[in-house]
Amino acid sequence: MKWIDVQDIAIELSEARPDTDPTQVNFVDLMRWVLELPGFDDDPQHCGERILEAIQQAWIDEIG
């Protein structure tokens, strides 16, 4: 997965952290958790606030 795979990342996060409320996650933790996902292989430098916001929103939508 790459940073642009927002929906796939959100699905993986919802499965990996089912007891986590994505509305309460800060971007530092979110970025770390994405980097720890199995199959994620992208440069941390290619991530910005907009990408993290998109991932967080997709995660919220995924569990909603």
PDB file of N, CA and C in Angstrom:
ATOM      1  N   MET A   1       0.839  -1.183   0.000  1.00  0.00           N
ATOM      2  CA  MET A   1       0.000   0.000   0.000  1.00  0.00           C
ATOM      3  C   MET A   1       0.882   1.244   0.000  1.00  0.00           C
ATOM      4  N   LYS A   2       0.331   2.266  -0.589  1.00  0.00           N
ATOM      5  CA  LYS A   2       0.977   3.576  -0.626  1.00  0.00           C
ATOM      6  C   LYS A   2       0.045   4.587   0.034  1.00  0.00           C
ATOM      7  N   TRP A   3       0.552   5.793   0.272  1.00  0.00           N
ATOM      8  CA  TRP A   3      -0.248   6.839   0.895  1.00  0.00           C
ATOM      9  C   TRP A   3      -1.531   7.126   0.118  1.00  0.00           C
ATOM     10  N   ILE A   4      -1.490   6.960  -1.195  1.00  0.00           N
ATOM     11  CA  ILE A   4      -2.676   7.257  -2.001  1.00  0.00           C
ATOM     12  C   ILE A   4      -3.781   6.216  -1.844  1.00  0.00           C
ATOM     13  N   ASP A   5      -3.482   5.093  -1.223  1.00  0.00           N
ATOM     14  CA  ASP A   5      -4.461   4.023  -1.016  1.00  0.00           C
ATOM     15  C   ASP A   5      -5.278   4.275   0.253  1.00  0.00           C
ATOM     16  N   VAL A   6      -5.889   5.442   0.304  1.00  0.00           N
ATOM     17  CA  VAL A   6      -6.574   5.913   1.511  1.00  0.00           C
ATOM     18  C   VAL A   6      -7.633   4.920   1.991  1.00  0.00           C
ATOM     19  N   GLN A   7      -8.473   4.448   1.099  1.00  0.00           N
ATOM     20  CA  GLN A   7      -9.550   3.543   1.490  1.00  0.00           C
ATOM     21  C   GLN A   7      -9.004   2.219   2.019  1.00  0.00           C
ATOM     22  N   ASP A   8      -8.002   1.675   1.348  1.00  0.00           N
ATOM     23  CA  ASP A   8      -7.397   0.422   1.813  1.00  0.00           C
ATOM     24  C   ASP A   8      -6.757   0.594   3.188  1.00  0.00           C
ATOM     25  N   ILE A   9      -6.105   1.715   3.391  1.00  0.00           N
ATOM     26  CA  ILE A   9      -5.483   2.005   4.686  1.00  0.00           C
ATOM     27  C   ILE A   9      -6.556   2.079   5.769  1.00  0.00           C
ATOM     28  N   ALA A  10      -7.658   2.760   5.466  1.00  0.00           N
ATOM     29  CA  ALA A  10      -8.746   2.896   6.441  1.00  0.00           C
ATOM     30  C   ALA A  10      -9.312   1.529   6.819  1.00  0.00           C
ATOM     31  N   ILE A  11      -9.482   0.670   5.840  1.00  0.00           N
ATOM     32  CA  ILE A  11      -9.989  -0.681   6.118  1.00  0.00           C
ATOM     33  C   ILE A  11      -9.015  -1.438   7.010  1.00  0.00           C
ATOM     34  N   GLU A  12      -7.745  -1.378   6.680  1.00  0.00           N
ATOM     35  CA  GLU A  12      -6.723  -2.060   7.486  1.00  0.00           C
ATOM     36  C   GLU A  12      -6.692  -1.525   8.920  1.00  0.00           C
ATOM     37  N   LEU A  13      -6.788  -0.214   9.075  1.00  0.00           N
ATOM     38  CA  LEU A  13      -6.780   0.374  10.417  1.00  0.00           C
ATOM     39  C   LEU A  13      -8.007  -0.050  11.215  1.00  0.00           C
ATOM     40  N   SER A  14      -9.168  -0.083  10.566  1.00  0.00           N
ATOM     41  CA  SER A  14     -10.386  -0.478  11.289  1.00  0.00           C
ATOM     42  C   SER A  14     -10.310  -1.932  11.739  1.00  0.00           C
ATOM     43  N   GLU A  15      -9.627  -2.769  10.956  1.00  0.00           N
ATOM     44  CA  GLU A  15      -9.459  -4.173  11.338  1.00  0.00           C
ATOM     45  C   GLU A  15      -8.370  -4.344  12.390  1.00  0.00           C
ATOM     46  N   ALA A  16      -7.301  -3.561  12.279  1.00  0.00           N
ATOM     47  CA  ALA A  16      -6.174  -3.688  13.207  1.00  0.00           C
ATOM     48  C   ALA A  16      -6.472  -3.061  14.573  1.00  0.00           C
ATOM     49  N   ARG A  17      -7.342  -2.047  14.584  1.00  0.00           N
ATOM     50  CA  ARG A  17      -7.630  -1.321  15.825  1.00  0.00           C
ATOM     51  C   ARG A  17      -9.140  -1.141  15.989  1.00  0.00           C
ATOM     52  N   PRO A  18      -9.854  -2.259  16.185  1.00  0.00           N
ATOM     53  CA  PRO A  18     -11.322  -2.190  16.229  1.00  0.00           C
ATOM     54  C   PRO A  18     -11.887  -1.408  17.414  1.00  0.00           C
ATOM     55  N   ASP A  19     -11.128  -1.264  18.468  1.00  0.00           N
ATOM     56  CA  ASP A  19     -11.616  -0.551  19.652  1.00  0.00           C
ATOM     57  C   ASP A  19     -11.197   0.916  19.675  1.00  0.00           C
ATOM     58  N   THR A  20     -10.609   1.401  18.589  1.00  0.00           N
ATOM     59  CA  THR A  20     -10.130   2.780  18.526  1.00  0.00           C
ATOM     60  C   THR A  20     -11.162   3.666  17.850  1.00  0.00           C
ATOM     61  N   ASP A  21     -11.432   4.804  18.464  1.00  0.00           N
ATOM     62  CA  ASP A  21     -12.313   5.808  17.872  1.00  0.00           C
ATOM     63  C   ASP A  21     -11.453   6.722  16.998  1.00  0.00           C
ATOM     64  N   PRO A  22     -11.596   6.646  15.674  1.00  0.00           N
ATOM     65  CA  PRO A  22     -10.723   7.429  14.800  1.00  0.00           C
ATOM     66  C   PRO A  22     -10.881   8.938  14.962  1.00  0.00           C
ATOM     67  N   THR A  23     -11.997   9.377  15.537  1.00  0.00           N
ATOM     68  CA  THR A  23     -12.166  10.820  15.748  1.00  0.00           C
ATOM     69  C   THR A  23     -11.272  11.334  16.872  1.00  0.00           C
ATOM     70  N   GLN A  24     -10.741  10.414  17.677  1.00  0.00           N
ATOM     71  CA  GLN A  24      -9.912  10.791  18.816  1.00  0.00           C
ATOM     72  C   GLN A  24      -8.415  10.554  18.581  1.00  0.00           C
ATOM     73  N   VAL A  25      -8.046  10.156  17.367  1.00  0.00           N
ATOM     74  CA  VAL A  25      -6.655   9.829  17.066  1.00  0.00           C
ATOM     75  C   VAL A  25      -5.929  11.068  16.565  1.00  0.00           C
ATOM     76  N   ASN A  26      -4.770  11.339  17.151  1.00  0.00           N
ATOM     77  CA  ASN A  26      -3.969  12.460  16.657  1.00  0.00           C
ATOM     78  C   ASN A  26      -3.139  12.005  15.453  1.00  0.00           C
ATOM     79  N   PHE A  27      -2.691  12.965  14.681  1.00  0.00           N
ATOM     80  CA  PHE A  27      -2.002  12.635  13.427  1.00  0.00           C
ATOM     81  C   PHE A  27      -0.655  11.954  13.654  1.00  0.00           C
ATOM     82  N   VAL A  28      -0.004  12.211  14.762  1.00  0.00           N
ATOM     83  CA  VAL A  28       1.268  11.552  15.049  1.00  0.00           C
ATOM     84  C   VAL A  28       1.042  10.043  15.198  1.00  0.00           C
ATOM     85  N   ASP A  29       0.040   9.679  15.994  1.00  0.00           N
ATOM     86  CA  ASP A  29      -0.276   8.257  16.174  1.00  0.00           C
ATOM     87  C   ASP A  29      -0.791   7.646  14.873  1.00  0.00           C
ATOM     88  N   LEU A  30      -1.650   8.377  14.172  1.00  0.00           N
ATOM     89  CA  LEU A  30      -2.206   7.859  12.929  1.00  0.00           C
ATOM     90  C   LEU A  30      -1.104   7.538  11.930  1.00  0.00           C
ATOM     91  N   MET A  31      -0.170   8.428  11.777  1.00  0.00           N
ATOM     92  CA  MET A  31       0.920   8.196  10.834  1.00  0.00           C
ATOM     93  C   MET A  31       1.744   6.977  11.258  1.00  0.00           C
ATOM     94  N   ARG A  32       2.042   6.870  12.543  1.00  0.00           N
ATOM     95  CA  ARG A  32       2.812   5.734  13.043  1.00  0.00           C
ATOM     96  C   ARG A  32       2.076   4.434  12.793  1.00  0.00           C
ATOM     97  N   TRP A  33       0.769   4.423  13.047  1.00  0.00           N
ATOM     98  CA  TRP A  33      -0.019   3.208  12.853  1.00  0.00           C
ATOM     99  C   TRP A  33      -0.063   2.805  11.384  1.00  0.00           C
ATOM    100  N   VAL A  34      -0.171   3.781  10.490  1.00  0.00           N
ATOM    101  CA  VAL A  34      -0.169   3.476   9.056  1.00  0.00           C
ATOM    102  C   VAL A  34       1.168   2.861   8.669  1.00  0.00           C
ATOM    103  N   LEU A  35       2.247   3.448   9.147  1.00  0.00           N
ATOM    104  CA  LEU A  35       3.580   2.938   8.814  1.00  0.00           C
ATOM    105  C   LEU A  35       3.787   1.518   9.336  1.00  0.00           C
ATOM    106  N   GLU A  36       3.093   1.148  10.405  1.00  0.00           N
ATOM    107  CA  GLU A  36       3.216  -0.190  10.993  1.00  0.00           C
ATOM    108  C   GLU A  36       2.338  -1.234  10.317  1.00  0.00           C
ATOM    109  N   LEU A  37       1.431  -0.815   9.444  1.00  0.00           N
ATOM    110  CA  LEU A  37       0.535  -1.774   8.804  1.00  0.00           C
ATOM    111  C   LEU A  37       1.308  -2.745   7.925  1.00  0.00           C
ATOM    112  N   PRO A  38       0.960  -4.028   7.995  1.00  0.00           N
ATOM    113  CA  PRO A  38       1.589  -4.994   7.092  1.00  0.00           C
ATOM    114  C   PRO A  38       1.222  -4.635   5.654  1.00  0.00           C
ATOM    115  N   GLY A  39       2.183  -4.672   4.792  1.00  0.00           N
ATOM    116  CA  GLY A  39       1.916  -4.371   3.393  1.00  0.00           C
ATOM    117  C   GLY A  39       2.044  -2.911   3.036  1.00  0.00           C
ATOM    118  N   PHE A  40       2.227  -2.038   4.035  1.00  0.00           N
ATOM    119  CA  PHE A  40       2.413  -0.625   3.724  1.00  0.00           C
ATOM    120  C   PHE A  40       3.876  -0.398   3.382  1.00  0.00           C
ATOM    121  N   ASP A  41       4.088   0.208   2.229  1.00  0.00           N
ATOM    122  CA  ASP A  41       5.455   0.415   1.763  1.00  0.00           C
ATOM    123  C   ASP A  41       5.542   1.730   0.991  1.00  0.00           C
ATOM    124  N   ASP A  42       5.688   2.814   1.739  1.00  0.00           N
ATOM    125  CA  ASP A  42       5.832   4.127   1.102  1.00  0.00           C
ATOM    126  C   ASP A  42       6.713   4.994   1.994  1.00  0.00           C
ATOM    127  N   ASP A  43       7.211   6.040   1.418  1.00  0.00           N
ATOM    128  CA  ASP A  43       8.119   6.951   2.103  1.00  0.00           C
ATOM    129  C   ASP A  43       7.342   7.829   3.090  1.00  0.00           C
ATOM    130  N   PRO A  44       7.726   7.826   4.363  1.00  0.00           N
ATOM    131  CA  PRO A  44       7.048   8.692   5.336  1.00  0.00           C
ATOM    132  C   PRO A  44       7.099  10.170   4.949  1.00  0.00           C
ATOM    133  N   GLN A  45       8.100  10.560   4.198  1.00  0.00           N
ATOM    134  CA  GLN A  45       8.227  11.953   3.771  1.00  0.00           C
ATOM    135  C   GLN A  45       7.157  12.358   2.758  1.00  0.00           C
ATOM    136  N   HIS A  46       6.484  11.386   2.163  1.00  0.00           N
ATOM    137  CA  HIS A  46       5.446  11.675   1.179  1.00  0.00           C
ATOM    138  C   HIS A  46       4.077  11.887   1.816  1.00  0.00           C
ATOM    139  N   CYS A  47       4.035  11.885   3.130  1.00  0.00           N
ATOM    140  CA  CYS A  47       2.776  12.051   3.846  1.00  0.00           C
ATOM    141  C   CYS A  47       2.670  13.467   4.384  1.00  0.00           C
ATOM    142  N   GLY A  48       1.461  14.014   4.263  1.00  0.00           N
ATOM    143  CA  GLY A  48       1.198  15.338   4.810  1.00  0.00           C
ATOM    144  C   GLY A  48      -0.136  15.348   5.544  1.00  0.00           C
ATOM    145  N   GLU A  49      -0.481  16.503   6.050  1.00  0.00           N
ATOM    146  CA  GLU A  49      -1.702  16.641   6.833  1.00  0.00           C
ATOM    147  C   GLU A  49      -2.949  16.287   6.016  1.00  0.00           C
ATOM    148  N   ARG A  50      -2.978  16.654   4.750  1.00  0.00           N
ATOM    149  CA  ARG A  50      -4.146  16.347   3.915  1.00  0.00           C
ATOM    150  C   ARG A  50      -4.350  14.842   3.761  1.00  0.00           C
ATOM    151  N   ILE A  51      -3.265  14.124   3.584  1.00  0.00           N
ATOM    152  CA  ILE A  51      -3.372  12.666   3.451  1.00  0.00           C
ATOM    153  C   ILE A  51      -3.876  12.059   4.758  1.00  0.00           C
ATOM    154  N   LEU A  52      -3.336  12.516   5.872  1.00  0.00           N
ATOM    155  CA  LEU A  52      -3.772  11.991   7.164  1.00  0.00           C
ATOM    156  C   LEU A  52      -5.233  12.320   7.430  1.00  0.00           C
ATOM    157  N   GLU A  53      -5.662  13.513   7.047  1.00  0.00           N
ATOM    158  CA  GLU A  53      -7.066  13.881   7.194  1.00  0.00           C
ATOM    159  C   GLU A  53      -7.950  12.956   6.355  1.00  0.00           C
ATOM    160  N   ALA A  54      -7.522  12.669   5.135  1.00  0.00           N
ATOM    161  CA  ALA A  54      -8.294  11.791   4.256  1.00  0.00           C
ATOM    162  C   ALA A  54      -8.369  10.381   4.827  1.00  0.00           C
ATOM    163  N   ILE A  55      -7.254   9.891   5.367  1.00  0.00           N
ATOM    164  CA  ILE A  55      -7.245   8.556   5.976  1.00  0.00           C
ATOM    165  C   ILE A  55      -8.171   8.528   7.185  1.00  0.00           C
ATOM    166  N   GLN A  56      -8.081   9.544   8.022  1.00  0.00           N
ATOM    167  CA  GLN A  56      -8.925   9.598   9.211  1.00  0.00           C
ATOM    168  C   GLN A  56     -10.403   9.633   8.817  1.00  0.00           C
ATOM    169  N   GLN A  57     -10.765  10.436   7.826  1.00  0.00           N
ATOM    170  CA  GLN A  57     -12.163  10.508   7.398  1.00  0.00           C
ATOM    171  C   GLN A  57     -12.641   9.203   6.806  1.00  0.00           C
ATOM    172  N   ALA A  58     -11.789   8.560   6.018  1.00  0.00           N
ATOM    173  CA  ALA A  58     -12.153   7.266   5.434  1.00  0.00           C
ATOM    174  C   ALA A  58     -12.346   6.212   6.529  1.00  0.00           C
ATOM    175  N   TRP A  59     -11.527   6.273   7.569  1.00  0.00           N
ATOM    176  CA  TRP A  59     -11.659   5.353   8.702  1.00  0.00           C
ATOM    177  C   TRP A  59     -12.981   5.601   9.422  1.00  0.00           C
ATOM    178  N   ILE A  60     -13.307   6.860   9.642  1.00  0.00           N
ATOM    179  CA  ILE A  60     -14.582   7.211  10.279  1.00  0.00           C
ATOM    180  C   ILE A  60     -15.742   6.682   9.437  1.00  0.00           C
ATOM    181  N   ASP A  61     -15.662   6.883   8.129  1.00  0.00           N
ATOM    182  CA  ASP A  61     -16.713   6.393   7.232  1.00  0.00           C
ATOM    183  C   ASP A  61     -16.785   4.868   7.240  1.00  0.00           C
ATOM    184  N   GLU A  62     -15.651   4.224   7.345  1.00  0.00           N
ATOM    185  CA  GLU A  62     -15.581   2.760   7.325  1.00  0.00           C
ATOM    186  C   GLU A  62     -16.314   2.153   8.510  1.00  0.00           C
ATOM    187  N   ILE A  63     -16.179   2.749   9.673  1.00  0.00           N
ATOM    188  CA  ILE A  63     -16.826   2.171  10.862  1.00  0.00           C
ATOM    189  C   ILE A  63     -18.224   2.720  11.077  1.00  0.00           C
ATOM    190  N   GLY A  64     -18.586   3.752  10.315  1.00  0.00           N
ATOM    191  CA  GLY A  64     -19.894   4.400  10.477  1.00  0.00           C
ATOM    192  C   GLY A  64     -20.982   3.654   9.929  1.00  0.00           C
TER     193      GLY A  64
END
